[in-house]
Structures are given as C-alpha cells and as structure tokens.
N, C-alpha and C. Protein backbone atom coordinates (compact mmCIF):
# COMPACT_ATOMS: atom_id res chain seq x y z
N MET A 1 69.82 76.40 87.62
CA MET A 1 69.94 77.50 86.70
C MET A 1 69.25 77.11 85.39
N SER A 2 68.49 78.01 84.83
CA SER A 2 67.82 77.73 83.57
C SER A 2 68.50 78.52 82.44
N ILE A 3 68.62 77.85 81.30
CA ILE A 3 69.32 78.41 80.16
C ILE A 3 68.46 78.26 78.93
N VAL A 4 68.47 79.27 78.08
CA VAL A 4 67.86 79.18 76.76
C VAL A 4 68.96 79.37 75.74
N ILE A 5 69.06 78.42 74.82
CA ILE A 5 70.06 78.48 73.75
C ILE A 5 69.32 78.77 72.45
N VAL A 6 69.72 79.83 71.77
CA VAL A 6 69.11 80.21 70.51
C VAL A 6 70.16 80.08 69.42
N GLY A 7 69.78 79.40 68.35
CA GLY A 7 70.71 79.14 67.26
C GLY A 7 71.39 77.79 67.49
N GLY A 8 72.49 77.58 66.84
CA GLY A 8 73.20 76.32 66.98
C GLY A 8 72.80 75.33 65.90
N ASN A 9 73.37 74.17 65.95
CA ASN A 9 73.10 73.12 64.97
C ASN A 9 71.98 72.23 65.47
N GLU A 10 71.06 71.91 64.57
CA GLU A 10 69.92 71.05 64.94
C GLU A 10 70.38 69.66 65.36
N CYS A 11 71.42 69.15 64.73
CA CYS A 11 71.87 67.79 65.03
C CYS A 11 72.58 67.71 66.38
N MET A 12 72.88 68.85 67.01
CA MET A 12 73.58 68.85 68.29
C MET A 12 72.69 69.20 69.47
N VAL A 13 71.38 69.25 69.27
CA VAL A 13 70.46 69.64 70.34
C VAL A 13 70.59 68.71 71.54
N ARG A 14 70.63 67.41 71.29
CA ARG A 14 70.75 66.44 72.39
C ARG A 14 72.07 66.63 73.13
N GLN A 15 73.15 66.90 72.41
CA GLN A 15 74.45 67.10 73.04
C GLN A 15 74.48 68.38 73.87
N TYR A 16 73.83 69.44 73.38
CA TYR A 16 73.73 70.67 74.16
C TYR A 16 73.01 70.40 75.48
N LYS A 17 71.89 69.66 75.42
CA LYS A 17 71.13 69.36 76.64
C LYS A 17 71.95 68.54 77.63
N GLU A 18 72.67 67.54 77.12
CA GLU A 18 73.49 66.70 78.00
C GLU A 18 74.59 67.50 78.67
N LEU A 19 75.22 68.41 77.93
CA LEU A 19 76.27 69.24 78.52
C LEU A 19 75.69 70.16 79.59
N CYS A 20 74.53 70.72 79.33
CA CYS A 20 73.89 71.59 80.32
C CYS A 20 73.53 70.81 81.58
N GLN A 21 73.10 69.56 81.42
CA GLN A 21 72.77 68.73 82.59
C GLN A 21 74.00 68.44 83.43
N LYS A 22 75.16 68.32 82.80
CA LYS A 22 76.40 68.10 83.56
C LYS A 22 76.73 69.30 84.44
N TYR A 23 76.30 70.48 84.02
CA TYR A 23 76.51 71.69 84.81
C TYR A 23 75.29 72.02 85.68
N ARG A 24 74.37 71.06 85.81
CA ARG A 24 73.15 71.20 86.62
C ARG A 24 72.28 72.37 86.16
N CYS A 25 72.09 72.45 84.86
CA CYS A 25 71.27 73.50 84.27
C CYS A 25 70.14 72.86 83.46
N ARG A 26 68.99 73.51 83.48
CA ARG A 26 67.88 73.11 82.63
C ARG A 26 67.96 73.96 81.36
N ALA A 27 67.84 73.30 80.21
CA ALA A 27 68.03 74.03 78.96
C ALA A 27 66.84 73.88 78.03
N LYS A 28 66.46 75.00 77.41
CA LYS A 28 65.54 75.01 76.28
C LYS A 28 66.37 75.44 75.09
N ILE A 29 66.20 74.73 73.98
CA ILE A 29 67.04 74.99 72.83
C ILE A 29 66.15 75.29 71.63
N TYR A 30 66.45 76.41 70.96
CA TYR A 30 65.71 76.83 69.77
C TYR A 30 66.69 76.97 68.61
N PRO A 31 66.94 75.88 67.86
CA PRO A 31 67.87 76.00 66.73
C PRO A 31 67.25 76.74 65.55
N LYS A 32 65.93 76.74 65.44
CA LYS A 32 65.22 77.44 64.37
C LYS A 32 64.16 78.35 64.98
N MET A 33 63.67 79.25 64.19
CA MET A 33 62.62 80.15 64.66
C MET A 33 61.28 79.73 64.09
N THR A 34 60.93 78.47 64.23
CA THR A 34 59.67 77.99 63.68
C THR A 34 58.49 78.39 64.56
N THR A 35 58.63 78.29 65.86
CA THR A 35 57.54 78.63 66.77
C THR A 35 57.69 80.01 67.36
N GLY A 36 58.76 80.68 67.08
CA GLY A 36 59.03 81.96 67.71
C GLY A 36 59.64 81.74 69.08
N LEU A 37 59.93 82.81 69.75
CA LEU A 37 60.58 82.70 71.06
C LEU A 37 59.69 83.22 72.17
N ARG A 38 58.41 83.26 71.94
CA ARG A 38 57.48 83.78 72.94
C ARG A 38 57.41 82.90 74.18
N ASN A 39 57.66 81.61 74.06
CA ASN A 39 57.53 80.70 75.20
C ASN A 39 58.87 80.38 75.84
N MET A 40 59.84 81.28 75.72
CA MET A 40 61.14 80.98 76.32
C MET A 40 61.14 81.22 77.83
N GLY A 41 60.17 81.92 78.34
CA GLY A 41 60.08 82.12 79.78
C GLY A 41 61.04 83.18 80.28
N CYS A 42 61.53 82.97 81.49
CA CYS A 42 62.46 83.92 82.11
C CYS A 42 63.70 83.16 82.60
N PRO A 43 64.62 82.83 81.69
CA PRO A 43 65.80 82.06 82.09
C PRO A 43 66.82 82.92 82.81
N ASP A 44 67.79 82.26 83.43
CA ASP A 44 68.89 82.98 84.07
C ASP A 44 69.93 83.42 83.06
N LEU A 45 70.06 82.66 81.96
CA LEU A 45 71.08 82.94 80.95
C LEU A 45 70.52 82.68 79.56
N LEU A 46 70.77 83.59 78.65
CA LEU A 46 70.39 83.44 77.25
C LEU A 46 71.67 83.31 76.43
N VAL A 47 71.84 82.19 75.73
CA VAL A 47 73.03 81.94 74.92
C VAL A 47 72.63 82.12 73.46
N LEU A 48 73.35 82.99 72.75
CA LEU A 48 73.10 83.23 71.33
C LEU A 48 74.28 82.72 70.52
N PHE A 49 74.04 81.74 69.68
CA PHE A 49 75.06 81.27 68.74
C PHE A 49 74.85 82.06 67.45
N THR A 50 75.58 83.14 67.30
CA THR A 50 75.29 84.13 66.26
C THR A 50 75.61 83.68 64.86
N ASN A 51 76.50 82.73 64.68
CA ASN A 51 76.86 82.30 63.33
C ASN A 51 75.75 81.51 62.65
N THR A 52 74.91 80.84 63.43
CA THR A 52 73.89 79.95 62.86
C THR A 52 72.48 80.48 63.05
N MET A 53 72.34 81.77 63.18
CA MET A 53 71.01 82.35 63.34
C MET A 53 70.87 83.59 62.47
N SER A 54 69.64 83.92 62.13
CA SER A 54 69.38 85.10 61.32
C SER A 54 69.38 86.36 62.20
N HIS A 55 69.46 87.50 61.55
CA HIS A 55 69.41 88.76 62.28
C HIS A 55 68.04 88.92 62.95
N LYS A 56 67.01 88.51 62.27
CA LYS A 56 65.65 88.61 62.83
C LYS A 56 65.52 87.77 64.09
N MET A 57 66.10 86.58 64.08
CA MET A 57 66.04 85.70 65.24
C MET A 57 66.82 86.31 66.41
N ALA A 58 67.96 86.91 66.13
CA ALA A 58 68.76 87.55 67.19
C ALA A 58 68.01 88.74 67.79
N ARG A 59 67.43 89.56 66.94
CA ARG A 59 66.66 90.71 67.44
C ARG A 59 65.48 90.27 68.29
N CYS A 60 64.80 89.21 67.86
CA CYS A 60 63.65 88.70 68.60
C CYS A 60 64.07 88.17 69.97
N ALA A 61 65.18 87.44 70.02
CA ALA A 61 65.66 86.88 71.29
C ALA A 61 66.08 87.99 72.26
N VAL A 62 66.79 88.98 71.76
CA VAL A 62 67.26 90.07 72.62
C VAL A 62 66.07 90.91 73.11
N SER A 63 65.09 91.13 72.25
CA SER A 63 63.93 91.92 72.67
C SER A 63 63.10 91.17 73.71
N GLU A 64 63.04 89.85 73.64
CA GLU A 64 62.34 89.07 74.66
C GLU A 64 63.06 89.15 76.00
N ALA A 65 64.39 89.23 75.97
CA ALA A 65 65.17 89.26 77.20
C ALA A 65 65.23 90.66 77.82
N LYS A 66 64.96 91.67 77.02
CA LYS A 66 65.07 93.05 77.49
C LYS A 66 64.05 93.31 78.59
N GLY A 67 64.48 93.91 79.66
CA GLY A 67 63.60 94.26 80.76
C GLY A 67 63.34 93.13 81.74
N GLN A 68 63.94 91.96 81.54
CA GLN A 68 63.72 90.83 82.44
C GLN A 68 64.97 90.48 83.25
N ASN A 69 66.03 91.28 83.15
CA ASN A 69 67.27 91.05 83.89
C ASN A 69 67.86 89.68 83.58
N ILE A 70 67.96 89.36 82.29
CA ILE A 70 68.53 88.09 81.83
C ILE A 70 69.93 88.36 81.30
N LYS A 71 70.90 87.56 81.74
CA LYS A 71 72.25 87.67 81.20
C LYS A 71 72.26 87.11 79.79
N ILE A 72 72.98 87.77 78.90
CA ILE A 72 73.08 87.33 77.51
C ILE A 72 74.54 87.02 77.21
N ALA A 73 74.78 85.81 76.69
CA ALA A 73 76.12 85.41 76.27
C ALA A 73 76.07 85.14 74.77
N ARG A 74 76.94 85.82 74.03
CA ARG A 74 76.99 85.63 72.58
C ARG A 74 78.26 84.88 72.21
N SER A 75 78.12 83.97 71.26
CA SER A 75 79.26 83.22 70.76
C SER A 75 79.11 83.06 69.26
N HIS A 76 80.17 83.34 68.53
CA HIS A 76 80.12 83.18 67.07
C HIS A 76 80.11 81.69 66.72
N SER A 77 80.82 80.91 67.48
CA SER A 77 80.89 79.47 67.24
C SER A 77 79.77 78.77 67.99
N SER A 78 79.23 77.72 67.39
CA SER A 78 78.18 76.95 68.06
C SER A 78 78.68 75.56 68.44
N SER A 79 79.94 75.48 68.81
CA SER A 79 80.55 74.19 69.15
C SER A 79 80.31 73.85 70.61
N MET A 80 80.60 72.60 70.95
CA MET A 80 80.48 72.16 72.34
C MET A 80 81.49 72.88 73.22
N ALA A 81 82.67 73.14 72.69
CA ALA A 81 83.70 73.84 73.46
C ALA A 81 83.26 75.27 73.79
N ALA A 82 82.61 75.92 72.85
CA ALA A 82 82.12 77.28 73.09
C ALA A 82 81.04 77.28 74.17
N LEU A 83 80.13 76.32 74.10
CA LEU A 83 79.08 76.22 75.12
C LEU A 83 79.69 75.88 76.48
N ARG A 84 80.66 74.97 76.50
CA ARG A 84 81.32 74.61 77.76
C ARG A 84 81.99 75.84 78.39
N THR A 85 82.63 76.67 77.58
CA THR A 85 83.28 77.87 78.08
C THR A 85 82.25 78.84 78.67
N ILE A 86 81.14 79.00 78.00
CA ILE A 86 80.08 79.87 78.50
C ILE A 86 79.51 79.35 79.81
N LEU A 87 79.27 78.04 79.89
CA LEU A 87 78.72 77.46 81.11
C LEU A 87 79.70 77.56 82.27
N GLU A 88 80.99 77.35 82.02
CA GLU A 88 81.98 77.48 83.09
C GLU A 88 82.04 78.91 83.60
N GLU A 89 81.91 79.84 82.69
CA GLU A 89 81.99 81.26 83.06
C GLU A 89 80.79 81.72 83.88
N HIS A 90 79.60 81.22 83.53
CA HIS A 90 78.38 81.73 84.17
C HIS A 90 77.84 80.86 85.29
N THR A 91 78.32 79.63 85.45
CA THR A 91 77.82 78.79 86.55
C THR A 91 78.79 78.72 87.71
N ALA A 92 79.91 79.36 87.60
CA ALA A 92 80.92 79.29 88.67
C ALA A 92 80.51 80.06 89.89
C-alpha cells in the first residue's frame, strides 16, 4: 500500500516512515510545500495533518487527489498515535 502524508512535523519524517514500514506501506512525506505536490503520484491513501499545514497546501493536496479514487484521511493532530490510528483503520 502506498501512502502520501502531507503536513506534519519536519523532525518526525523519519519516524513517520518507520511507522509506515511496520504496516508494510511505502510512504512519501511532504511536511512543507517547497516543491509542490505534483509528484505525489497515485497513492492508495492520502493523509492530511491539518494542524500543521496551510489552507493552500490542503487545497492543493485535495485537488491532486480528486478524480483519482484516492482515500483521504484527515487528522488535526500530527502525532505518531494519530498516524498509527489512521494506518490501523485503513490497512486492516
């Protein structure tokens, strides 16, 4: 399963990847919108950490996912527990 995580804390990128690997998922993580989200591909799940991202970044991510049949999971918190809950819910 492939996952794209948008938002979150920059210092936790490695921890997000390790947690995704425990659930047998490949993850691309975009904590900032420096390069844009054009190269996110077609993941199975798009995770939006809404507390740590701008409105422009959220709109860009949702518009990229529109029309590609991608599940979107939103979480206000960008903690490991929130990501673990999302992964348990969608990888079961």
